[in-house]
Amino acid sequence: MKSVALILLLTTSLLSGCGFHLRGTVVLPDSIRSVAISSPDGKLKDILTDRLESSKVTVVASPTSDSANIKITSVKFSREIRTIDERGKSTGYVIILKVGYKVFDSKGKELIKPSVSTARRDYNFNPDQLLSATREEELLRDDMRGDVAQGILSKMSRIR
């Protein structure tokens, strides 16, 4: 029993020592304890809020004198045809999400210059199953929002 506890302790120490964190959590600089988020995409804002709160960062409704500010400047989904069938109908797409953003400190100083985070997903489309295809695409879009949110927070974790 002691050897199991020792192995568990060593594994935990090694993982935390190398910077490993569970997906969705991020360690931000001590100067960022409170954040305001402005975004034209409500789902992206909700994902950012959830990830920040799970990382023990307070999310405020509007910028305050001690909060950083994440400003999402653009959110654009697009599709490119990846495959077509023998009738010339599209059967596969690449869905692309591009999110423009910048991050400011509480005094308005730019912490992250205007940047773009991109996510891509392959999507097979069956026109005979339109309802399930629409639902699948929406799930992919939500997953892509999560990837972009993680990318933004990862970049914020490197602010010094």
Protein backbone atom coordinates (compact mmCIF):
# COMPACT_ATOMS: atom_id res chain seq x y z
CA MET A 1 0.00 0.00 0.00
CA LYS A 2 2.87 2.36 0.81
CA SER A 3 4.45 1.69 -2.58
CA VAL A 4 1.22 2.64 -4.38
CA ALA A 5 1.05 5.90 -2.42
CA LEU A 6 4.71 6.61 -3.17
CA ILE A 7 4.22 5.97 -6.91
CA LEU A 8 1.15 8.21 -6.93
CA LEU A 9 3.05 10.97 -5.11
CA LEU A 10 6.00 10.74 -7.52
CA THR A 11 3.74 10.76 -10.59
CA THR A 12 1.84 13.79 -9.31
CA SER A 13 5.09 15.60 -8.53
CA LEU A 14 6.53 14.88 -11.97
CA LEU A 15 3.38 16.00 -13.79
CA SER A 16 3.05 19.24 -11.86
CA GLY A 17 6.79 19.89 -12.12
CA CYS A 18 6.74 19.70 -15.92
CA GLY A 19 3.85 22.16 -16.19
CA PHE A 20 1.08 19.63 -16.89
CA HIS A 21 -2.45 20.92 -16.24
CA LEU A 22 -5.83 19.40 -16.97
CA ARG A 23 -7.34 20.57 -20.25
CA GLY A 24 -9.36 23.70 -19.71
CA THR A 25 -7.35 24.99 -16.80
CA VAL A 26 -4.59 27.53 -17.18
CA VAL A 27 -2.23 29.30 -14.82
CA LEU A 28 -2.31 33.04 -15.49
CA PRO A 29 0.18 35.56 -14.13
CA ASP A 30 -0.58 36.85 -10.62
CA SER A 31 -1.37 40.24 -12.13
CA ILE A 32 -4.45 38.73 -13.82
CA ARG A 33 -6.92 37.77 -11.10
CA SER A 34 -9.96 39.46 -12.62
CA VAL A 35 -10.99 39.57 -16.29
CA ALA A 36 -13.74 41.22 -18.33
CA ILE A 37 -14.66 39.60 -21.65
CA SER A 38 -16.33 41.32 -24.59
CA SER A 39 -17.34 39.10 -27.49
CA PRO A 40 -19.87 39.12 -30.32
CA ASP A 41 -20.15 35.32 -29.89
CA GLY A 42 -22.02 34.40 -26.70
CA LYS A 43 -20.96 30.74 -26.77
CA LEU A 44 -17.27 31.66 -27.03
CA LYS A 45 -17.68 34.11 -24.17
CA ASP A 46 -19.33 31.40 -22.04
CA ILE A 47 -16.51 28.94 -22.74
CA LEU A 48 -13.86 31.55 -21.86
CA THR A 49 -15.78 32.39 -18.68
CA ASP A 50 -16.00 28.73 -17.63
CA ARG A 51 -12.31 28.10 -18.27
CA LEU A 52 -11.22 31.24 -16.43
CA GLU A 53 -13.45 30.48 -13.44
CA SER A 54 -12.14 26.90 -13.28
CA SER A 55 -8.68 28.45 -13.12
CA LYS A 56 -9.73 30.58 -10.11
CA VAL A 57 -9.95 33.84 -12.08
CA THR A 58 -12.89 36.15 -11.41
CA VAL A 59 -14.86 37.13 -14.51
CA VAL A 60 -16.57 40.52 -14.26
CA ALA A 61 -19.37 41.89 -16.44
CA SER A 62 -17.47 45.01 -17.51
CA PRO A 63 -13.88 46.24 -17.16
CA THR A 64 -12.92 47.56 -13.73
CA SER A 65 -9.89 49.38 -12.38
CA ASP A 66 -8.21 46.07 -11.53
CA SER A 67 -9.40 43.72 -14.29
CA ALA A 68 -7.74 42.66 -17.50
CA ASN A 69 -9.89 42.83 -20.62
CA ILE A 70 -10.20 40.17 -23.33
CA LYS A 71 -11.69 41.83 -26.40
CA ILE A 72 -12.88 39.45 -29.11
CA THR A 73 -12.81 41.60 -32.23
CA SER A 74 -14.08 39.11 -34.81
CA VAL A 75 -15.51 35.60 -35.04
CA LYS A 76 -15.75 34.06 -38.50
CA PHE A 77 -16.79 30.56 -39.47
CA SER A 78 -16.23 29.42 -43.04
CA ARG A 79 -16.47 26.18 -45.00
CA GLU A 80 -14.37 24.80 -47.80
CA ILE A 81 -15.45 21.85 -49.90
CA ARG A 82 -13.22 18.86 -49.21
CA THR A 83 -14.94 16.08 -51.20
CA ILE A 84 -17.72 15.68 -53.74
CA ASP A 85 -19.67 12.60 -54.81
CA GLU A 86 -20.20 11.22 -58.31
CA ARG A 87 -23.21 13.54 -58.79
CA GLY A 88 -21.09 16.60 -58.03
CA LYS A 89 -22.67 17.13 -54.59
CA SER A 90 -20.54 18.15 -51.62
CA THR A 91 -20.02 15.33 -49.14
CA GLY A 92 -17.19 16.68 -47.06
CA TYR A 93 -16.13 20.07 -45.79
CA VAL A 94 -13.40 21.68 -43.79
CA ILE A 95 -14.95 24.03 -41.25
CA ILE A 96 -12.66 26.90 -40.26
CA LEU A 97 -13.05 29.23 -37.29
CA LYS A 98 -10.96 32.40 -37.10
CA VAL A 99 -11.19 34.55 -33.98
CA GLY A 100 -9.53 37.94 -33.72
CA TYR A 101 -8.74 39.18 -30.22
CA LYS A 102 -6.57 41.40 -28.07
CA VAL A 103 -5.92 41.57 -24.35
CA PHE A 104 -5.43 44.69 -22.23
CA ASP A 105 -4.47 45.24 -18.62
CA SER A 106 -6.61 47.34 -16.26
CA LYS A 107 -4.92 50.55 -17.44
CA GLY A 108 -5.58 49.85 -21.12
CA LYS A 109 -2.01 48.74 -21.91
CA GLU A 110 -1.93 46.06 -24.60
CA LEU A 111 -0.82 42.73 -23.10
CA ILE A 112 -1.44 40.77 -26.30
CA LYS A 113 -1.33 42.62 -29.59
CA PRO A 114 -4.18 41.99 -32.06
CA SER A 115 -3.99 38.26 -32.81
CA VAL A 116 -5.96 35.59 -34.64
CA SER A 117 -6.59 32.09 -33.30
CA THR A 118 -7.73 29.47 -35.80
CA ALA A 119 -9.37 26.04 -35.47
CA ARG A 120 -10.22 23.59 -38.27
CA ARG A 121 -12.33 20.46 -38.45
CA ASP A 122 -13.09 17.97 -41.21
CA TYR A 123 -16.80 17.36 -41.56
CA ASN A 124 -18.50 14.64 -43.62
CA PHE A 125 -21.92 15.66 -44.85
CA ASN A 126 -24.74 13.31 -45.82
CA PRO A 127 -27.56 15.25 -47.50
CA ASP A 128 -29.97 12.37 -46.74
CA GLN A 129 -29.48 12.92 -42.99
CA LEU A 130 -29.80 16.68 -42.85
CA LEU A 131 -31.05 16.93 -39.25
CA SER A 132 -28.21 14.88 -37.76
CA ALA A 133 -25.68 16.59 -40.04
CA THR A 134 -26.79 20.01 -38.80
CA ARG A 135 -26.45 18.86 -35.17
CA GLU A 136 -23.02 17.36 -35.85
CA GLU A 137 -21.81 20.60 -37.40
CA GLU A 138 -23.01 22.59 -34.38
CA LEU A 139 -21.12 20.22 -32.04
CA LEU A 140 -17.99 20.67 -34.15
CA ARG A 141 -18.37 24.45 -33.99
CA ASP A 142 -18.67 24.32 -30.19
CA ASP A 143 -15.58 22.11 -30.00
CA MET A 144 -13.69 24.58 -32.19
CA ARG A 145 -14.73 27.44 -29.91
CA GLY A 146 -13.22 25.45 -27.03
CA ASP A 147 -9.94 25.04 -28.91
CA VAL A 148 -9.78 28.76 -29.70
CA ALA A 149 -10.59 29.68 -26.09
CA GLN A 150 -7.81 27.38 -24.89
CA GLY A 151 -5.40 28.99 -27.35
CA ILE A 152 -6.25 32.48 -26.10
CA LEU A 153 -5.81 31.46 -22.47
CA SER A 154 -2.58 29.63 -23.26
CA LYS A 155 -1.20 32.80 -24.83
CA MET A 156 -2.34 34.78 -21.77
CA SER A 157 -0.48 32.35 -19.50
CA ARG A 158 2.78 33.44 -21.16
CA ILE A 159 2.27 37.14 -20.39
CA ARG A 160 5.06 38.48 -18.19
